[in-house]
Amino acid sequence: MQKKESLQKNNPLHGITLAALLADLVAYVGWEKMGKQIPINCFLKNPNIKSSLAFLRKTPWARAKVEYMYLYNIKRIEKGKSNDSVDAQ
């Protein structure tokens, strides 16, 4: 039987909270583009992290779409984070 850790080592979302994932997407993509790609009210009307987290936690299909968007953009998001840390020095 495999350990739980070995089952997760190929999961790119392992260790990333939904809040962190959403915050990264908002910083990189923005609410407007997220609302165009995933047309849900918590992105379109008065968007904020708190209401979006509440909706995504109880709506599996929407969470799956947000996770897919994050995975699609992850390399660019991480590159942006590394450039920010270089710029701060």
Protein backbone atom coordinates (compact mmCIF):
# COMPACT_ATOMS: atom_id res chain seq x y z
CA MET A 1 0.00 0.00 0.00
CA GLN A 2 1.34 3.44 -0.94
CA LYS A 3 1.62 6.28 1.51
CA LYS A 4 -0.69 9.23 1.07
CA GLU A 5 2.33 11.47 0.38
CA SER A 6 3.40 9.40 -2.62
CA LEU A 7 -0.13 9.59 -4.03
CA GLN A 8 0.04 13.38 -3.87
CA LYS A 9 3.54 13.96 -5.25
CA ASN A 10 2.23 14.29 -8.83
CA ASN A 11 -0.64 16.59 -7.84
CA PRO A 12 0.36 20.19 -8.70
CA LEU A 13 -2.35 21.54 -6.37
CA HIS A 14 -1.11 19.61 -3.32
CA GLY A 15 -0.36 22.01 -0.48
CA ILE A 16 -2.04 25.01 -2.12
CA THR A 17 -5.09 26.30 -0.29
CA LEU A 18 -8.12 27.46 -2.23
CA ALA A 19 -7.62 30.94 -0.75
CA ALA A 20 -4.02 31.12 -1.99
CA LEU A 21 -4.99 29.77 -5.39
CA LEU A 22 -7.77 32.34 -5.74
CA ALA A 23 -5.56 35.21 -4.54
CA ASP A 24 -2.88 34.27 -7.09
CA LEU A 25 -5.44 34.14 -9.89
CA VAL A 26 -6.94 37.49 -8.94
CA ALA A 27 -3.48 39.08 -8.86
CA TYR A 28 -2.44 37.56 -12.18
CA VAL A 29 -5.65 37.39 -14.23
CA GLY A 30 -8.00 39.80 -12.46
CA TRP A 31 -11.69 39.57 -11.60
CA GLU A 32 -12.90 40.81 -14.98
CA LYS A 33 -11.09 38.16 -17.01
CA MET A 34 -12.00 35.47 -14.50
CA GLY A 35 -15.67 36.49 -14.84
CA LYS A 36 -15.46 36.27 -18.61
CA GLN A 37 -13.87 32.82 -18.53
CA ILE A 38 -16.01 31.47 -15.68
CA PRO A 39 -19.26 33.47 -15.67
CA ILE A 40 -20.39 33.15 -12.06
CA ASN A 41 -21.85 35.99 -10.02
CA CYS A 42 -19.16 35.95 -7.34
CA PHE A 43 -16.68 36.99 -10.08
CA LEU A 44 -19.02 39.32 -11.98
CA LYS A 45 -20.96 41.27 -9.34
CA ASN A 46 -19.03 42.93 -6.50
CA PRO A 47 -16.26 40.30 -6.53
CA ASN A 48 -14.28 39.59 -3.39
CA ILE A 49 -12.25 36.72 -1.99
CA LYS A 50 -14.60 35.91 0.90
CA SER A 51 -17.77 35.44 -1.17
CA SER A 52 -15.88 33.62 -3.90
CA LEU A 53 -14.37 31.17 -1.40
CA ALA A 54 -17.78 30.47 0.12
CA PHE A 55 -19.28 29.74 -3.31
CA LEU A 56 -16.36 27.68 -4.58
CA ARG A 57 -16.24 25.52 -1.44
CA LYS A 58 -19.85 24.42 -1.92
CA THR A 59 -19.91 24.24 -5.74
CA PRO A 60 -17.61 21.50 -7.05
CA TRP A 61 -18.05 22.28 -10.77
CA ALA A 62 -17.06 25.93 -10.26
CA ARG A 63 -14.09 24.99 -8.07
CA ALA A 64 -12.92 22.54 -10.75
CA LYS A 65 -13.02 25.31 -13.37
CA VAL A 66 -11.05 27.69 -11.12
CA GLU A 67 -8.47 24.99 -10.38
CA TYR A 68 -8.15 24.30 -14.11
CA MET A 69 -7.64 28.03 -14.78
CA TYR A 70 -4.95 28.10 -12.10
CA LEU A 71 -3.18 25.05 -13.54
CA TYR A 72 -3.32 26.60 -17.02
CA ASN A 73 -1.69 29.80 -15.72
CA ILE A 74 0.55 28.37 -12.97
CA LYS A 75 3.88 28.73 -14.79
CA ARG A 76 3.18 32.38 -15.58
CA ILE A 77 1.96 33.02 -12.03
CA GLU A 78 5.11 31.49 -10.53
CA LYS A 79 7.31 33.37 -12.99
CA GLY A 80 5.62 36.61 -11.94
CA LYS A 81 6.22 35.82 -8.27
CA SER A 82 9.92 35.14 -8.89
CA ASN A 83 10.24 38.39 -10.88
CA ASP A 84 8.58 40.31 -8.01
CA SER A 85 11.11 38.94 -5.52
CA VAL A 86 14.00 39.88 -7.84
CA ASP A 87 12.55 43.40 -8.30
CA ALA A 88 12.27 43.86 -4.52
CA GLN A 89 16.00 43.33 -3.99
